[in-house]
Amino acid sequence: MSLVKELPLLVLGDFNQIRSASEHFSIASYNLPVSGMGKLQECLVDCGLDDLETRGVFFSWSNGRPEDPILRKLDRAL
């Protein structure tokens, strides 16, 4: 067995992809990146990784447009 599998692993950063529809907010109708969501989910399952509980601000990205806001959770700790 490799050393990596025997030690706890923490992966964190900006993944530029939401994992589910609950990680996206917008007022206007918006097509969610379903293909990318599936690929991220599949990757996390294959690697045995899961999100740590979010505390504080849930959404980590904004398009910065108050008139048509889009918010997403892109940063995560696994």
Protein backbone atom coordinates (compact mmCIF):
# COMPACT_ATOMS: atom_id res chain seq x y z
CA MET A 1 0.00 0.00 0.00
CA SER A 2 1.33 3.43 -0.87
CA LEU A 3 2.08 6.04 1.77
CA VAL A 4 -0.47 8.45 0.25
CA LYS A 5 -3.36 6.05 0.89
CA GLU A 6 -2.34 5.67 4.52
CA LEU A 7 -2.32 9.39 5.38
CA PRO A 8 -5.24 11.83 5.50
CA LEU A 9 -5.36 14.06 2.45
CA LEU A 10 -6.68 17.62 2.20
CA VAL A 11 -7.34 19.12 -1.23
CA LEU A 12 -8.43 22.74 -1.44
CA GLY A 13 -8.69 25.46 -4.01
CA ASP A 14 -10.76 27.07 -6.74
CA PHE A 15 -12.26 24.28 -8.84
CA ASN A 16 -14.06 26.63 -11.28
CA GLN A 17 -17.01 24.24 -11.27
CA ILE A 18 -20.12 23.86 -9.16
CA ARG A 19 -20.98 20.41 -7.86
CA SER A 20 -24.78 20.78 -7.77
CA ALA A 21 -27.53 23.27 -8.56
CA SER A 22 -27.58 24.36 -4.90
CA GLU A 23 -24.11 25.87 -5.43
CA HIS A 24 -25.46 28.39 -7.98
CA PHE A 25 -27.69 31.43 -7.50
CA SER A 26 -29.01 33.83 -10.12
CA ILE A 27 -32.15 35.90 -10.53
CA ALA A 28 -32.40 35.30 -14.27
CA SER A 29 -32.80 31.88 -15.85
CA TYR A 30 -29.42 30.27 -16.39
CA ASN A 31 -28.33 26.99 -17.96
CA LEU A 32 -26.25 25.12 -15.42
CA PRO A 33 -23.05 23.37 -16.57
CA VAL A 34 -24.52 19.89 -16.09
CA SER A 35 -21.72 18.09 -17.92
CA GLY A 36 -19.05 19.73 -15.78
CA MET A 37 -21.05 19.08 -12.62
CA GLY A 38 -21.17 15.37 -13.45
CA LYS A 39 -17.46 15.23 -14.22
CA LEU A 40 -16.53 16.94 -10.95
CA GLN A 41 -18.84 14.66 -8.97
CA GLU A 42 -17.40 11.58 -10.70
CA CYS A 43 -13.83 12.72 -10.03
CA LEU A 44 -14.52 13.32 -6.34
CA VAL A 45 -16.17 9.92 -5.95
CA ASP A 46 -13.34 8.16 -7.82
CA CYS A 47 -10.77 9.85 -5.56
CA GLY A 48 -12.76 9.22 -2.38
CA LEU A 49 -13.04 12.95 -1.66
CA ASP A 50 -15.99 14.85 -0.19
CA ASP A 51 -16.58 18.48 0.67
CA LEU A 52 -15.87 19.62 4.19
CA GLU A 53 -18.76 21.53 5.73
CA THR A 54 -18.95 25.13 4.52
CA ARG A 55 -18.85 27.73 7.27
CA GLY A 56 -19.35 31.43 6.83
CA VAL A 57 -20.01 32.71 3.32
CA PHE A 58 -21.31 29.87 1.14
CA PHE A 59 -20.81 31.42 -2.31
CA SER A 60 -17.16 32.15 -3.12
CA TRP A 61 -17.56 33.78 -6.54
CA SER A 62 -19.71 36.59 -7.93
CA ASN A 63 -19.97 38.12 -11.38
CA GLY A 64 -19.93 41.53 -9.66
CA ARG A 65 -23.08 42.75 -11.42
CA PRO A 66 -25.69 43.87 -8.86
CA GLU A 67 -28.32 44.28 -11.59
CA ASP A 68 -27.95 40.64 -12.73
CA PRO A 69 -26.06 38.77 -9.98
CA ILE A 70 -24.66 35.29 -10.37
CA LEU A 71 -23.18 33.64 -7.29
CA ARG A 72 -21.37 30.30 -7.16
CA LYS A 73 -19.50 28.09 -4.75
CA LEU A 74 -16.26 27.41 -6.61
CA ASP A 75 -13.75 27.26 -3.77
CA ARG A 76 -13.81 24.13 -1.67
CA ALA A 77 -11.89 22.03 0.80
CA LEU A 78 -12.08 18.27 0.31
